[in-house]
Structure formats: C-alpha cells, structure tokens
PDB file of N, CA and C in Angstrom:
ATOM      1  N   MET A   1      11.663  -6.197  11.752  1.00  0.00           N
ATOM      2  CA  MET A   1      10.960  -6.716  10.627  1.00  0.00           C
ATOM      3  C   MET A   1      10.895  -5.688   9.534  1.00  0.00           C
ATOM      4  N   ALA A   2      11.257  -6.091   8.325  1.00  0.00           N
ATOM      5  CA  ALA A   2      11.191  -5.130   7.171  1.00  0.00           C
ATOM      6  C   ALA A   2       9.737  -4.934   6.662  1.00  0.00           C
ATOM      7  N   HIS A   3       9.381  -3.713   6.325  1.00  0.00           N
ATOM      8  CA  HIS A   3       8.025  -3.416   5.904  1.00  0.00           C
ATOM      9  C   HIS A   3       8.143  -3.150   4.312  1.00  0.00           C
ATOM     10  N   ARG A   4       7.181  -3.667   3.669  1.00  0.00           N
ATOM     11  CA  ARG A   4       7.162  -3.340   2.242  1.00  0.00           C
ATOM     12  C   ARG A   4       6.547  -1.905   1.983  1.00  0.00           C
ATOM     13  N   VAL A   5       7.143  -1.259   1.074  1.00  0.00           N
ATOM     14  CA  VAL A   5       6.630   0.000   0.537  1.00  0.00           C
ATOM     15  C   VAL A   5       6.193  -0.161  -0.877  1.00  0.00           C
ATOM     16  N   LEU A   6       4.806  -0.011  -1.056  1.00  0.00           N
ATOM     17  CA  LEU A   6       4.192  -0.434  -2.204  1.00  0.00           C
ATOM     18  C   LEU A   6       4.044   0.790  -3.228  1.00  0.00           C
ATOM     19  N   THR A   7       4.979   1.693  -3.208  1.00  0.00           N
ATOM     20  CA  THR A   7       4.957   2.808  -4.109  1.00  0.00           C
ATOM     21  C   THR A   7       6.347   3.096  -4.505  1.00  0.00           C
ATOM     22  N   GLU A   8       6.549   3.849  -5.576  1.00  0.00           N
ATOM     23  CA  GLU A   8       7.909   4.315  -6.014  1.00  0.00           C
ATOM     24  C   GLU A   8       8.257   5.587  -5.198  1.00  0.00           C
ATOM     25  N   THR A   9       7.311   6.309  -4.673  1.00  0.00           N
ATOM     26  CA  THR A   9       7.543   7.551  -3.993  1.00  0.00           C
ATOM     27  C   THR A   9       7.192   7.441  -2.613  1.00  0.00           C
ATOM     28  N   ALA A  10       8.017   7.952  -1.723  1.00  0.00           N
ATOM     29  CA  ALA A  10       7.724   7.965  -0.212  1.00  0.00           C
ATOM     30  C   ALA A  10       8.308   9.321   0.326  1.00  0.00           C
ATOM     31  N   VAL A  11       7.557   9.740   1.337  1.00  0.00           N
ATOM     32  CA  VAL A  11       7.899  11.029   2.086  1.00  0.00           C
ATOM     33  C   VAL A  11       7.804  10.724   3.613  1.00  0.00           C
ATOM     34  N   SER A  12       8.525  11.572   4.358  1.00  0.00           N
ATOM     35  CA  SER A  12       8.370  11.451   5.837  1.00  0.00           C
ATOM     36  C   SER A  12       7.002  12.067   6.204  1.00  0.00           C
ATOM     37  N   ILE A  13       6.577  11.624   7.440  1.00  0.00           N
ATOM     38  CA  ILE A  13       5.400  12.211   7.943  1.00  0.00           C
ATOM     39  C   ILE A  13       5.603  13.722   8.210  1.00  0.00           C
ATOM     40  N   SER A  14       6.844  14.133   8.530  1.00  0.00           N
ATOM     41  CA  SER A  14       7.108  15.474   8.855  1.00  0.00           C
ATOM     42  C   SER A  14       7.004  16.291   7.545  1.00  0.00           C
ATOM     43  N   GLU A  15       7.519  15.820   6.390  1.00  0.00           N
ATOM     44  CA  GLU A  15       7.418  16.422   5.170  1.00  0.00           C
ATOM     45  C   GLU A  15       5.825  16.448   4.778  1.00  0.00           C
ATOM     46  N   HIS A  16       5.216  15.481   4.996  1.00  0.00           N
ATOM     47  CA  HIS A  16       3.759  15.457   4.685  1.00  0.00           C
ATOM     48  C   HIS A  16       2.930  16.519   5.449  1.00  0.00           C
ATOM     49  N   LYS A  17       3.328  16.707   6.770  1.00  0.00           N
ATOM     50  CA  LYS A  17       2.669  17.611   7.601  1.00  0.00           C
ATOM     51  C   LYS A  17       2.908  19.092   7.215  1.00  0.00           C
ATOM     52  N   LYS A  18       4.061  19.366   6.684  1.00  0.00           N
ATOM     53  CA  LYS A  18       4.469  20.647   6.241  1.00  0.00           C
ATOM     54  C   LYS A  18       3.698  21.113   4.999  1.00  0.00           C
ATOM     55  N   ASN A  19       3.477  20.175   4.092  1.00  0.00           N
ATOM     56  CA  ASN A  19       2.733  20.537   2.793  1.00  0.00           C
ATOM     57  C   ASN A  19       2.091  19.297   2.261  1.00  0.00           C
ATOM     58  N   PRO A  20       0.845  18.942   2.685  1.00  0.00           N
ATOM     59  CA  PRO A  20       0.161  17.729   2.205  1.00  0.00           C
ATOM     60  C   PRO A  20       0.038  17.787   0.615  1.00  0.00           C
ATOM     61  N   MET A  21      -0.253  18.873   0.027  1.00  0.00           N
ATOM     62  CA  MET A  21      -0.474  18.954  -1.333  1.00  0.00           C
ATOM     63  C   MET A  21       0.827  18.660  -2.181  1.00  0.00           C
ATOM     64  N   ALA A  22       1.960  18.980  -1.550  1.00  0.00           N
ATOM     65  CA  ALA A  22       3.201  18.595  -2.127  1.00  0.00           C
ATOM     66  C   ALA A  22       3.385  17.118  -2.168  1.00  0.00           C
ATOM     67  N   THR A  23       2.915  16.400  -1.168  1.00  0.00           N
ATOM     68  CA  THR A  23       2.950  14.998  -1.164  1.00  0.00           C
ATOM     69  C   THR A  23       2.059  14.423  -2.256  1.00  0.00           C
ATOM     70  N   VAL A  24       0.919  14.952  -2.488  1.00  0.00           N
ATOM     71  CA  VAL A  24       0.109  14.429  -3.586  1.00  0.00           C
ATOM     72  C   VAL A  24       0.784  14.710  -4.910  1.00  0.00           C
ATOM     73  N   ALA A  25       1.390  15.905  -5.050  1.00  0.00           N
ATOM     74  CA  ALA A  25       2.056  16.227  -6.344  1.00  0.00           C
ATOM     75  C   ALA A  25       3.268  15.272  -6.564  1.00  0.00           C
ATOM     76  N   ALA A  26       3.985  14.971  -5.504  1.00  0.00           N
ATOM     77  CA  ALA A  26       5.207  14.172  -5.679  1.00  0.00           C
ATOM     78  C   ALA A  26       4.952  12.757  -6.301  1.00  0.00           C
ATOM     79  N   GLY A  27       3.695  12.294  -6.092  1.00  0.00           N
ATOM     80  CA  GLY A  27       3.306  11.037  -6.670  1.00  0.00           C
ATOM     81  C   GLY A  27       2.945  11.063  -8.085  1.00  0.00           C
ATOM     82  N   GLU A  28       2.866  12.261  -8.646  1.00  0.00           N
ATOM     83  CA  GLU A  28       2.423  12.376 -10.124  1.00  0.00           C
ATOM     84  C   GLU A  28       1.239  11.501 -10.537  1.00  0.00           C
ATOM     85  N   GLY A  29       0.192  11.574  -9.658  1.00  0.00           N
ATOM     86  CA  GLY A  29      -1.018  10.871  -9.978  1.00  0.00           C
ATOM     87  C   GLY A  29      -1.093   9.513  -9.303  1.00  0.00           C
ATOM     88  N   MET A  30      -0.059   8.994  -8.764  1.00  0.00           N
ATOM     89  CA  MET A  30       0.023   7.715  -8.052  1.00  0.00           C
ATOM     90  C   MET A  30       0.120   7.949  -6.552  1.00  0.00           C
ATOM     91  N   ALA A  31      -0.083   6.806  -5.811  1.00  0.00           N
ATOM     92  CA  ALA A  31      -0.050   6.869  -4.375  1.00  0.00           C
ATOM     93  C   ALA A  31       1.468   7.168  -3.906  1.00  0.00           C
ATOM     94  N   VAL A  32       1.497   7.846  -2.783  1.00  0.00           N
ATOM     95  CA  VAL A  32       2.712   8.146  -2.064  1.00  0.00           C
ATOM     96  C   VAL A  32       2.768   7.516  -0.700  1.00  0.00           C
ATOM     97  N   ALA A  33       3.774   6.799  -0.370  1.00  0.00           N
ATOM     98  CA  ALA A  33       3.905   6.231   0.966  1.00  0.00           C
ATOM     99  C   ALA A  33       4.348   7.374   1.960  1.00  0.00           C
ATOM    100  N   VAL A  34       3.617   7.448   3.078  1.00  0.00           N
ATOM    101  CA  VAL A  34       3.993   8.422   4.074  1.00  0.00           C
ATOM    102  C   VAL A  34       4.636   7.578   5.274  1.00  0.00           C
ATOM    103  N   LEU A  35       5.874   7.925   5.583  1.00  0.00           N
ATOM    104  CA  LEU A  35       6.620   7.056   6.509  1.00  0.00           C
ATOM    105  C   LEU A  35       6.704   7.691   7.868  1.00  0.00           C
ATOM    106  N   ASN A  36       6.627   6.840   8.850  1.00  0.00           N
ATOM    107  CA  ASN A  36       6.814   7.245  10.232  1.00  0.00           C
ATOM    108  C   ASN A  36       7.887   6.306  10.822  1.00  0.00           C
ATOM    109  N   ARG A  37       8.987   6.923  11.082  1.00  0.00           N
ATOM    110  CA  ARG A  37      10.231   6.143  11.607  1.00  0.00           C
ATOM    111  C   ARG A  37      10.603   5.005  10.545  1.00  0.00           C
ATOM    112  N   ASN A  38      10.591   5.509   9.290  1.00  0.00           N
ATOM    113  CA  ASN A  38      10.991   4.658   8.147  1.00  0.00           C
ATOM    114  C   ASN A  38      10.106   3.469   7.919  1.00  0.00           C
ATOM    115  N   GLU A  39       8.837   3.487   8.469  1.00  0.00           N
ATOM    116  CA  GLU A  39       7.813   2.457   8.099  1.00  0.00           C
ATOM    117  C   GLU A  39       6.636   3.146   7.589  1.00  0.00           C
ATOM    118  N   PRO A  40       6.018   2.432   6.611  1.00  0.00           N
ATOM    119  CA  PRO A  40       4.827   3.069   5.995  1.00  0.00           C
ATOM    120  C   PRO A  40       3.637   3.152   7.084  1.00  0.00           C
ATOM    121  N   ALA A  41       3.220   4.477   7.302  1.00  0.00           N
ATOM    122  CA  ALA A  41       2.176   4.680   8.188  1.00  0.00           C
ATOM    123  C   ALA A  41       0.882   4.738   7.481  1.00  0.00           C
ATOM    124  N   PHE A  42       0.813   5.281   6.234  1.00  0.00           N
ATOM    125  CA  PHE A  42      -0.321   5.296   5.398  1.00  0.00           C
ATOM    126  C   PHE A  42       0.111   5.667   3.931  1.00  0.00           C
ATOM    127  N   TYR A  43      -0.814   5.594   3.047  1.00  0.00           N
ATOM    128  CA  TYR A  43      -0.627   5.955   1.598  1.00  0.00           C
ATOM    129  C   TYR A  43      -1.521   7.127   1.338  1.00  0.00           C
ATOM    130  N   CYS A  44      -0.927   8.166   0.659  1.00  0.00           N
ATOM    131  CA  CYS A  44      -1.675   9.313   0.217  1.00  0.00           C
ATOM    132  C   CYS A  44      -2.015   8.940  -1.197  1.00  0.00           C
ATOM    133  N   VAL A  45      -3.289   8.824  -1.490  1.00  0.00           N
ATOM    134  CA  VAL A  45      -3.746   8.459  -2.747  1.00  0.00           C
ATOM    135  C   VAL A  45      -4.570   9.556  -3.327  1.00  0.00           C
ATOM    136  N   PRO A  46      -4.274  10.069  -4.607  1.00  0.00           N
ATOM    137  CA  PRO A  46      -5.090  11.092  -5.192  1.00  0.00           C
ATOM    138  C   PRO A  46      -6.449  10.613  -5.484  1.00  0.00           C
ATOM    139  N   ALA A  47      -7.428  11.488  -5.519  1.00  0.00           N
ATOM    140  CA  ALA A  47      -8.767  11.086  -5.750  1.00  0.00           C
ATOM    141  C   ALA A  47      -9.064  10.278  -6.941  1.00  0.00           C
ATOM    142  N   ARG A  48      -8.423  10.657  -8.111  1.00  0.00           N
ATOM    143  CA  ARG A  48      -8.634   9.864  -9.358  1.00  0.00           C
ATOM    144  C   ARG A  48      -8.159   8.479  -9.169  1.00  0.00           C
ATOM    145  N   ALA A  49      -6.981   8.228  -8.651  1.00  0.00           N
ATOM    146  CA  ALA A  49      -6.368   6.936  -8.451  1.00  0.00           C
ATOM    147  C   ALA A  49      -7.294   6.148  -7.510  1.00  0.00           C
ATOM    148  N   TYR A  50      -7.769   6.787  -6.499  1.00  0.00           N
ATOM    149  CA  TYR A  50      -8.672   6.054  -5.540  1.00  0.00           C
ATOM    150  C   TYR A  50      -9.957   5.611  -6.315  1.00  0.00           C
ATOM    151  N   GLU A  51     -10.506   6.475  -7.093  1.00  0.00           N
ATOM    152  CA  GLU A  51     -11.715   6.159  -7.852  1.00  0.00           C
ATOM    153  C   GLU A  51     -11.475   4.883  -8.664  1.00  0.00           C
ATOM    154  N   GLU A  52     -10.269   4.912  -9.418  1.00  0.00           N
ATOM    155  CA  GLU A  52      -9.841   3.754 -10.257  1.00  0.00           C
ATOM    156  C   GLU A  52      -9.733   2.497  -9.433  1.00  0.00           C
ATOM    157  N   LEU A  53      -9.150   2.567  -8.237  1.00  0.00           N
ATOM    158  CA  LEU A  53      -9.096   1.429  -7.358  1.00  0.00           C
ATOM    159  C   LEU A  53     -10.455   0.876  -6.986  1.00  0.00           C
ATOM    160  N   MET A  54     -11.346   1.752  -6.710  1.00  0.00           N
ATOM    161  CA  MET A  54     -12.714   1.363  -6.306  1.00  0.00           C
ATOM    162  C   MET A  54     -13.431   0.773  -7.391  1.00  0.00           C
ATOM    163  N   ASP A  55     -13.189   1.226  -8.654  1.00  0.00           N
ATOM    164  CA  ASP A  55     -13.734   0.579  -9.835  1.00  0.00           C
ATOM    165  C   ASP A  55     -13.316  -0.864 -10.027  1.00  0.00           C
ATOM    166  N   LEU A  56     -12.010  -1.045  -9.835  1.00  0.00           N
ATOM    167  CA  LEU A  56     -11.359  -2.324  -9.918  1.00  0.00           C
ATOM    168  C   LEU A  56     -11.916  -3.303  -8.767  1.00  0.00           C
ATOM    169  N   VAL A  57     -12.174  -2.856  -7.573  1.00  0.00           N
ATOM    170  CA  VAL A  57     -12.675  -3.637  -6.507  1.00  0.00           C
ATOM    171  C   VAL A  57     -14.166  -4.070  -6.879  1.00  0.00           C
ATOM    172  N   ASP A  58     -14.896  -3.082  -7.465  1.00  0.00           N
ATOM    173  CA  ASP A  58     -16.310  -3.389  -7.945  1.00  0.00           C
ATOM    174  C   ASP A  58     -16.267  -4.449  -8.905  1.00  0.00           C
ATOM    175  N   ASP A  59     -15.361  -4.365  -9.906  1.00  0.00           N
ATOM    176  CA  ASP A  59     -15.299  -5.332 -10.964  1.00  0.00           C
ATOM    177  C   ASP A  59     -14.906  -6.728 -10.372  1.00  0.00           C
ATOM    178  N   LEU A  60     -14.019  -6.781  -9.477  1.00  0.00           N
ATOM    179  CA  LEU A  60     -13.613  -8.006  -8.811  1.00  0.00           C
ATOM    180  C   LEU A  60     -14.780  -8.582  -8.100  1.00  0.00           C
ATOM    181  N   VAL A  61     -15.538  -7.801  -7.307  1.00  0.00           N
ATOM    182  CA  VAL A  61     -16.718  -8.411  -6.597  1.00  0.00           C
ATOM    183  C   VAL A  61     -17.706  -8.929  -7.569  1.00  0.00           C
ATOM    184  N   LEU A  62     -18.069  -8.203  -8.606  1.00  0.00           N
ATOM    185  CA  LEU A  62     -18.937  -8.619  -9.618  1.00  0.00           C
ATOM    186  C   LEU A  62     -18.537  -9.862 -10.263  1.00  0.00           C
ATOM    187  N   GLY A  63     -17.316 -10.005 -10.547  1.00  0.00           N
ATOM    188  CA  GLY A  63     -16.643 -11.139 -11.212  1.00  0.00           C
ATOM    189  C   GLY A  63     -16.804 -12.404 -10.344  1.00  0.00           C
ATOM    190  N   ARG A  64     -16.607 -12.201  -9.057  1.00  0.00           N
ATOM    191  CA  ARG A  64     -16.729 -13.275  -8.159  1.00  0.00           C
ATOM    192  C   ARG A  64     -18.146 -13.761  -7.971  1.00  0.00           C
ATOM    193  N   LEU A  65     -19.169 -12.759  -7.940  1.00  0.00           N
ATOM    194  CA  LEU A  65     -20.519 -13.147  -8.002  1.00  0.00           C
ATOM    195  C   LEU A  65     -20.981 -13.851  -9.202  1.00  0.00           C
ATOM    196  N   ALA A  66     -20.400 -13.421 -10.378  1.00  0.00           N
ATOM    197  CA  ALA A  66     -20.808 -14.042 -11.678  1.00  0.00           C
ATOM    198  C   ALA A  66     -20.244 -15.478 -11.616  1.00  0.00           C
ATOM    199  N   ASP A  67     -19.059 -15.640 -11.114  1.00  0.00           N
ATOM    200  CA  ASP A  67     -18.461 -17.081 -10.996  1.00  0.00           C
ATOM    201  C   ASP A  67     -19.193 -17.916 -10.129  1.00  0.00           C
ATOM    202  N   ALA A  68     -19.648 -17.399  -9.000  1.00  0.00           N
ATOM    203  CA  ALA A  68     -20.454 -18.205  -8.102  1.00  0.00           C
ATOM    204  C   ALA A  68     -21.822 -18.671  -8.668  1.00  0.00           C
ATOM    205  N   ARG A  69     -22.332 -17.662  -9.490  1.00  0.00           N
ATOM    206  CA  ARG A  69     -23.653 -18.074 -10.132  1.00  0.00           C
ATOM    207  C   ARG A  69     -23.496 -19.079 -11.246  1.00  0.00           C
ATOM    208  N   LEU A  70     -22.269 -18.974 -11.920  1.00  0.00           N
ATOM    209  CA  LEU A  70     -22.062 -19.939 -12.929  1.00  0.00           C
ATOM    210  C   LEU A  70     -21.806 -21.354 -12.385  1.00  0.00           C
ATOM    211  N   ALA A  71     -21.273 -21.397 -11.126  1.00  0.00           N
ATOM    212  CA  ALA A  71     -20.835 -22.630 -10.578  1.00  0.00           C
ATOM    213  C   ALA A  71     -22.061 -23.349  -9.718  1.00  0.00           C
ATOM    214  N   ASP A  72     -23.248 -22.661  -9.684  1.00  0.00           N
ATOM    215  CA  ASP A  72     -24.425 -23.148  -8.879  1.00  0.00           C
ATOM    216  C   ASP A  72     -25.085 -24.191  -9.607  1.00  0.00           C
ATOM    217  N   GLY A  73     -24.761 -24.491 -10.857  1.00  0.00           N
ATOM    218  CA  GLY A  73     -25.379 -25.670 -11.525  1.00  0.00           C
ATOM    219  C   GLY A  73     -26.699 -25.296 -12.293  1.00  0.00           C
ATOM    220  N   GLN A  74     -27.136 -24.155 -12.170  1.00  0.00           N
ATOM    221  CA  GLN A  74     -28.398 -23.757 -12.785  1.00  0.00           C
ATOM    222  C   GLN A  74     -28.126 -23.527 -14.315  1.00  0.00           C
ATOM    223  N   GLU A  75     -29.179 -23.666 -15.095  1.00  0.00           N
ATOM    224  CA  GLU A  75     -29.125 -23.507 -16.579  1.00  0.00           C
ATOM    225  C   GLU A  75     -28.762 -22.067 -16.902  1.00  0.00           C
ATOM    226  N   LEU A  76     -27.862 -21.752 -17.808  1.00  0.00           N
ATOM    227  CA  LEU A  76     -27.589 -20.429 -18.250  1.00  0.00           C
ATOM    228  C   LEU A  76     -28.774 -19.889 -18.975  1.00  0.00           C
ATOM    229  N   VAL A  77     -28.945 -18.535 -18.836  1.00  0.00           N
ATOM    230  CA  VAL A  77     -29.964 -17.923 -19.650  1.00  0.00           C
ATOM    231  C   VAL A  77     -29.180 -16.876 -20.431  1.00  0.00           C
ATOM    232  N   ARG A  78     -29.222 -16.939 -21.854  1.00  0.00           N
ATOM    233  CA  ARG A  78     -28.537 -15.950 -22.645  1.00  0.00           C
ATOM    234  C   ARG A  78     -29.412 -14.788 -22.938  1.00  0.00           C
ATOM    235  N   VAL A  79     -28.815 -13.530 -22.803  1.00  0.00           N
ATOM    236  CA  VAL A  79     -29.558 -12.344 -23.002  1.00  0.00           C
ATOM    237  C   VAL A  79     -28.669 -11.407 -23.844  1.00  0.00           C
ATOM    238  N   SER A  80     -29.265 -10.758 -24.768  1.00  0.00           N
ATOM    239  CA  SER A  80     -28.444  -9.745 -25.513  1.00  0.00           C
ATOM    240  C   SER A  80     -28.452  -8.412 -24.784  1.00  0.00           C
ATOM    241  N   LEU A  81     -27.421  -7.621 -24.998  1.00  0.00           N
ATOM    242  CA  LEU A  81     -27.433  -6.271 -24.355  1.00  0.00           C
ATOM    243  C   LEU A  81     -28.536  -5.450 -24.802  1.00  0.00           C
ATOM    244  N   ASP A  82     -28.955  -5.598 -26.068  1.00  0.00           N
ATOM    245  CA  ASP A  82     -30.051  -4.764 -26.617  1.00  0.00           C
ATOM    246  C   ASP A  82     -31.402  -5.092 -25.920  1.00  0.00           C
ATOM    247  N   ALA A  83     -31.540  -6.346 -25.311  1.00  0.00           N
ATOM    248  CA  ALA A  83     -32.821  -6.728 -24.690  1.00  0.00           C
ATOM    249  C   ALA A  83     -32.768  -6.095 -23.382  1.00  0.00           C
ATOM    250  N   LEU A  84     -31.742  -5.616 -22.760  1.00  0.00           N
ATOM    251  CA  LEU A  84     -31.722  -5.062 -21.437  1.00  0.00           C
ATOM    252  C   LEU A  84     -32.221  -3.716 -21.494  1.00  0.00           C
TER     253      LEU A  84
END
C-alpha cells in the first residue's frame, strides 16, 4: 500500500540520526518527512511551524464552539470589543 508523504522534503531515518539539526534545516522552516523503509515514520516539525499549527487548531476548535452556540437557538447578544 502506498503511503502519502505530506511534505516536499524527506530524509531517511539514517540521515536524521546522523544529524537531526540538518533535518530541520532541510525543511527551510517547514516539516520534513523522516522515512523508514521508504514510508513516513514521523515528521520533523520546527518549533515555529508547530506553534502556528497549534494556533490553527485552537482557531478551529473555537470556531466549532461558536458555530455550536449559534445553532443552539438562543438569542444573540451583541457586544462591542471596547466593552470587553
């Protein structure tokens, strides 16, 4: 079965073991797929990219919460940002 590699850059696990920081550098700020027997074993994600991903996940969760609250049928309460 073919496995998807979700990055433009990939290295073998042997290369990664020799120099993990070179793996990070190879991605130029983006994730790098680390392959074991030509299958992705894990992704090496720089701290800044991981933080951005976590921010996106937080936004998604908050958006779903807001959508659920809008769909509950209760009356909307408008509030200005200055009032907060």
